[in-house]
C-alpha atoms as a PDB file:
ATOM      1  CA  UNK A   1     -16.742 192.178 150.069  1.00  0.00           C
ATOM      2  CA  UNK A   2     -19.058 195.196 149.518  1.00  0.00           C
ATOM      3  CA  UNK A   3     -22.401 195.172 151.357  1.00  0.00           C
ATOM      4  CA  UNK A   4     -25.309 195.517 148.948  1.00  0.00           C
ATOM      5  CA  UNK A   5     -29.050 195.657 150.081  1.00  0.00           C
ATOM      6  CA  UNK A   6     -32.451 195.082 148.458  1.00  0.00           C
ATOM      7  CA  UNK A   7     -32.444 198.576 146.948  1.00  0.00           C
ATOM      8  CA  UNK A   8     -29.071 197.978 145.292  1.00  0.00           C
ATOM      9  CA  UNK A   9     -30.378 194.621 144.001  1.00  0.00           C
ATOM     10  CA  UNK A  10     -33.520 196.304 142.495  1.00  0.00           C
ATOM     11  CA  UNK A  11     -31.351 198.947 140.965  1.00  0.00           C
ATOM     12  CA  UNK A  12     -29.066 196.180 139.475  1.00  0.00           C
ATOM     13  CA  UNK A  13     -32.095 194.271 138.181  1.00  0.00           C
ATOM     14  CA  UNK A  14     -33.473 197.373 136.386  1.00  0.00           C
ATOM     15  CA  UNK A  15     -30.079 198.232 134.860  1.00  0.00           C
ATOM     16  CA  UNK A  16     -29.614 194.614 133.546  1.00  0.00           C
ATOM     17  CA  UNK A  17     -32.736 194.944 131.682  1.00  0.00           C
ATOM     18  CA  UNK A  18     -31.747 198.197 130.186  1.00  0.00           C
ATOM     19  CA  UNK A  19     -28.524 199.885 131.289  1.00  0.00           C
ATOM     20  CA  UNK A  20     -29.453 203.055 129.272  1.00  0.00           C
ATOM     21  CA  UNK A  21     -32.602 203.716 131.380  1.00  0.00           C
ATOM     22  CA  UNK A  22     -32.540 207.227 132.899  1.00  0.00           C
ATOM     23  CA  UNK A  23     -32.054 207.278 136.669  1.00  0.00           C
ATOM     24  CA  UNK A  24     -35.399 209.028 137.142  1.00  0.00           C
ATOM     25  CA  UNK A  25     -37.141 206.139 135.633  1.00  0.00           C
ATOM     26  CA  UNK A  26     -35.159 203.626 137.773  1.00  0.00           C
ATOM     27  CA  UNK A  27     -36.050 205.704 140.763  1.00  0.00           C
ATOM     28  CA  UNK A  28     -39.744 205.376 140.067  1.00  0.00           C
ATOM     29  CA  UNK A  29     -39.393 201.750 139.622  1.00  0.00           C
ATOM     30  CA  UNK A  30     -37.609 200.987 142.873  1.00  0.00           C
ATOM     31  CA  UNK A  31     -39.473 203.610 144.847  1.00  0.00           C
ATOM     32  CA  UNK A  32     -36.572 205.797 145.783  1.00  0.00           C
ATOM     33  CA  UNK A  33     -35.487 209.285 144.869  1.00  0.00           C
ATOM     34  CA  UNK A  34     -33.278 209.909 141.886  1.00  0.00           C
ATOM     35  CA  UNK A  35     -30.269 211.301 143.854  1.00  0.00           C
ATOM     36  CA  UNK A  36     -30.326 208.089 145.915  1.00  0.00           C
ATOM     37  CA  UNK A  37     -30.320 205.897 142.805  1.00  0.00           C
ATOM     38  CA  UNK A  38     -27.631 207.910 141.117  1.00  0.00           C
ATOM     39  CA  UNK A  39     -25.259 207.615 144.397  1.00  0.00           C
ATOM     40  CA  UNK A  40     -26.094 203.940 144.643  1.00  0.00           C
ATOM     41  CA  UNK A  41     -25.159 203.274 140.948  1.00  0.00           C
ATOM     42  CA  UNK A  42     -21.801 205.212 141.506  1.00  0.00           C
ATOM     43  CA  UNK A  43     -21.109 203.180 144.672  1.00  0.00           C
ATOM     44  CA  UNK A  44     -21.790 199.936 142.785  1.00  0.00           C
ATOM     45  CA  UNK A  45     -19.406 201.080 140.076  1.00  0.00           C
ATOM     46  CA  UNK A  46     -16.748 202.251 142.666  1.00  0.00           C
ATOM     47  CA  UNK A  47     -16.997 198.924 144.533  1.00  0.00           C
ATOM     48  CA  UNK A  48     -16.597 196.920 141.323  1.00  0.00           C
ATOM     49  CA  UNK A  49     -19.982 195.292 141.497  1.00  0.00           C
ATOM     50  CA  UNK A  50     -20.828 196.873 138.225  1.00  0.00           C
ATOM     51  CA  UNK A  51     -17.710 196.234 136.071  1.00  0.00           C
ATOM     52  CA  UNK A  52     -18.917 197.870 132.851  1.00  0.00           C
ATOM     53  CA  UNK A  53     -21.981 198.673 130.785  1.00  0.00           C
ATOM     54  CA  UNK A  54     -22.446 196.673 127.607  1.00  0.00           C
ATOM     55  CA  UNK A  55     -24.904 195.553 124.982  1.00  0.00           C
ATOM     56  CA  UNK A  56     -26.430 192.095 124.382  1.00  0.00           C
ATOM     57  CA  UNK A  57     -26.353 191.222 120.651  1.00  0.00           C
ATOM     58  CA  UNK A  58     -29.008 189.072 118.846  1.00  0.00           C
ATOM     59  CA  UNK A  59     -26.488 186.801 117.042  1.00  0.00           C
ATOM     60  CA  UNK A  60     -29.174 185.223 114.830  1.00  0.00           C
ATOM     61  CA  UNK A  61     -29.759 188.651 113.340  1.00  0.00           C
ATOM     62  CA  UNK A  62     -26.149 189.047 112.714  1.00  0.00           C
ATOM     63  CA  UNK A  63     -26.141 185.744 110.970  1.00  0.00           C
ATOM     64  CA  UNK A  64     -24.376 183.718 113.581  1.00  0.00           C
ATOM     65  CA  UNK A  65     -26.794 180.887 114.153  1.00  0.00           C
ATOM     66  CA  UNK A  66     -24.568 178.028 115.365  1.00  0.00           C
ATOM     67  CA  UNK A  67     -23.908 178.069 119.103  1.00  0.00           C
ATOM     68  CA  UNK A  68     -22.028 175.355 120.872  1.00  0.00           C
ATOM     69  CA  UNK A  69     -20.490 174.534 124.136  1.00  0.00           C
ATOM     70  CA  UNK A  70     -17.191 172.569 123.877  1.00  0.00           C
ATOM     71  CA  UNK A  71     -15.660 170.899 126.853  1.00  0.00           C
ATOM     72  CA  UNK A  72     -11.935 170.224 126.722  1.00  0.00           C
ATOM     73  CA  UNK A  73      -9.988 167.633 128.600  1.00  0.00           C
ATOM     74  CA  UNK A  74      -6.346 168.763 128.612  1.00  0.00           C
ATOM     75  CA  UNK A  75      -3.036 167.750 129.937  1.00  0.00           C
ATOM     76  CA  UNK A  76      -2.319 169.815 133.030  1.00  0.00           C
ATOM     77  CA  UNK A  77       1.141 170.952 131.901  1.00  0.00           C
ATOM     78  CA  UNK A  78      -0.412 172.336 128.537  1.00  0.00           C
ATOM     79  CA  UNK A  79      -3.400 174.052 130.282  1.00  0.00           C
ATOM     80  CA  UNK A  80      -1.925 177.618 130.232  1.00  0.00           C
ATOM     81  CA  UNK A  81      -0.677 177.472 126.585  1.00  0.00           C
ATOM     82  CA  UNK A  82      -4.105 176.073 125.373  1.00  0.00           C
ATOM     83  CA  UNK A  83      -6.015 178.898 127.396  1.00  0.00           C
ATOM     84  CA  UNK A  84      -3.714 181.548 125.865  1.00  0.00           C
ATOM     85  CA  UNK A  85      -4.239 180.289 122.444  1.00  0.00           C
ATOM     86  CA  UNK A  86      -8.025 180.025 122.757  1.00  0.00           C
ATOM     87  CA  UNK A  87      -8.437 183.341 124.464  1.00  0.00           C
ATOM     88  CA  UNK A  88      -7.308 185.061 121.290  1.00  0.00           C
ATOM     89  CA  UNK A  89      -9.946 183.459 119.022  1.00  0.00           C
ATOM     90  CA  UNK A  90     -12.776 185.823 118.107  1.00  0.00           C
ATOM     91  CA  UNK A  91     -15.428 183.256 117.782  1.00  0.00           C
ATOM     92  CA  UNK A  92     -15.059 182.157 121.309  1.00  0.00           C
ATOM     93  CA  UNK A  93     -17.471 184.047 123.405  1.00  0.00           C
ATOM     94  CA  UNK A  94     -16.772 182.523 126.853  1.00  0.00           C
ATOM     95  CA  UNK A  95     -13.851 180.568 128.102  1.00  0.00           C
ATOM     96  CA  UNK A  96     -14.064 178.908 131.547  1.00  0.00           C
ATOM     97  CA  UNK A  97     -11.804 176.744 133.741  1.00  0.00           C
ATOM     98  CA  UNK A  98     -14.015 173.948 135.021  1.00  0.00           C
ATOM     99  CA  UNK A  99     -13.824 170.798 137.178  1.00  0.00           C
ATOM    100  CA  UNK A 100     -15.385 167.477 136.658  1.00  0.00           C
ATOM    101  CA  UNK A 101     -15.262 165.560 133.225  1.00  0.00           C
ATOM    102  CA  UNK A 102     -13.696 168.629 131.373  1.00  0.00           C
ATOM    103  CA  UNK A 103     -10.966 171.080 132.276  1.00  0.00           C
ATOM    104  CA  UNK A 104     -12.093 173.900 130.085  1.00  0.00           C
ATOM    105  CA  UNK A 105     -15.594 174.991 128.644  1.00  0.00           C
ATOM    106  CA  UNK A 106     -15.913 177.343 125.738  1.00  0.00           C
ATOM    107  CA  UNK A 107     -18.998 178.827 124.143  1.00  0.00           C
ATOM    108  CA  UNK A 108     -18.593 179.506 120.434  1.00  0.00           C
ATOM    109  CA  UNK A 109     -20.908 181.065 117.853  1.00  0.00           C
ATOM    110  CA  UNK A 110     -20.593 180.502 114.118  1.00  0.00           C
ATOM    111  CA  UNK A 111     -22.418 181.343 110.947  1.00  0.00           C
ATOM    112  CA  UNK A 112     -22.459 177.775 109.559  1.00  0.00           C
ATOM    113  CA  UNK A 113     -21.947 174.307 110.694  1.00  0.00           C
ATOM    114  CA  UNK A 114     -18.898 174.083 108.495  1.00  0.00           C
ATOM    115  CA  UNK A 115     -17.328 176.863 110.467  1.00  0.00           C
ATOM    116  CA  UNK A 116     -17.756 174.915 113.667  1.00  0.00           C
ATOM    117  CA  UNK A 117     -16.355 171.829 112.030  1.00  0.00           C
ATOM    118  CA  UNK A 118     -13.322 173.831 110.803  1.00  0.00           C
ATOM    119  CA  UNK A 119     -12.817 175.273 114.316  1.00  0.00           C
ATOM    120  CA  UNK A 120     -12.978 171.684 115.797  1.00  0.00           C
ATOM    121  CA  UNK A 121     -10.507 170.303 113.236  1.00  0.00           C
ATOM    122  CA  UNK A 122      -8.100 173.249 113.139  1.00  0.00           C
ATOM    123  CA  UNK A 123      -8.129 175.347 116.212  1.00  0.00           C
ATOM    124  CA  UNK A 124      -8.509 172.399 118.569  1.00  0.00           C
ATOM    125  CA  UNK A 125      -5.800 170.466 117.034  1.00  0.00           C
ATOM    126  CA  UNK A 126      -3.432 171.447 119.846  1.00  0.00           C
ATOM    127  CA  UNK A 127      -0.915 169.411 121.638  1.00  0.00           C
ATOM    128  CA  UNK A 128      -2.352 168.743 125.208  1.00  0.00           C
ATOM    129  CA  UNK A 129      -5.969 168.553 124.236  1.00  0.00           C
ATOM    130  CA  UNK A 130      -6.843 164.863 124.950  1.00  0.00           C
ATOM    131  CA  UNK A 131     -10.629 165.031 124.499  1.00  0.00           C
ATOM    132  CA  UNK A 132     -13.546 167.125 123.445  1.00  0.00           C
ATOM    133  CA  UNK A 133     -17.218 167.116 124.113  1.00  0.00           C
ATOM    134  CA  UNK A 134     -19.255 169.178 121.785  1.00  0.00           C
ATOM    135  CA  UNK A 135     -22.902 170.214 122.591  1.00  0.00           C
ATOM    136  CA  UNK A 136     -24.871 172.121 120.015  1.00  0.00           C
ATOM    137  CA  UNK A 137     -27.395 174.642 121.460  1.00  0.00           C
ATOM    138  CA  UNK A 138     -30.976 174.179 120.086  1.00  0.00           C
ATOM    139  CA  UNK A 139     -32.352 177.098 121.856  1.00  0.00           C
ATOM    140  CA  UNK A 140     -32.703 178.754 125.291  1.00  0.00           C
ATOM    141  CA  UNK A 141     -35.295 177.994 127.910  1.00  0.00           C
ATOM    142  CA  UNK A 142     -34.203 180.766 130.123  1.00  0.00           C
ATOM    143  CA  UNK A 143     -31.704 183.580 129.620  1.00  0.00           C
ATOM    144  CA  UNK A 144     -31.436 186.146 132.381  1.00  0.00           C
ATOM    145  CA  UNK A 145     -28.715 187.602 134.475  1.00  0.00           C
ATOM    146  CA  UNK A 146     -28.763 186.849 138.300  1.00  0.00           C
ATOM    147  CA  UNK A 147     -30.055 189.617 140.493  1.00  0.00           C
ATOM    148  CA  UNK A 148     -30.922 187.681 143.530  1.00  0.00           C
ATOM    149  CA  UNK A 149     -34.528 189.022 143.382  1.00  0.00           C
END
């Protein structure tokens, strides 16, 4: 495991807010020189701590206003087949293996409630799924990436 210190964490926090921020601006924020910040970012990339730079979309502005978490209970022998099938679905944003009451948790985003209903009836009508728990998201209280700071 790669060692990261407080300066690395501050750089990560700044990048998570705006990954397009110039290194000179990050350097001012974290009270370090630009060359140090540039080297630290390259080290974080090389060590796999930063996997990629991406964008966060406002799904509401894209017309995708129905978000739900769906917990699935599955037969163990069918788990891989179900995961392989679901991983290909474009409306599934996140697919996790879990413990407890469910074996898999998915996060889905749809335009309309009818689309969610069709997904539940058609895409989750798979041999091996023995139960579902659907939770509709009303809205976030907190959305932020972890930085440890």
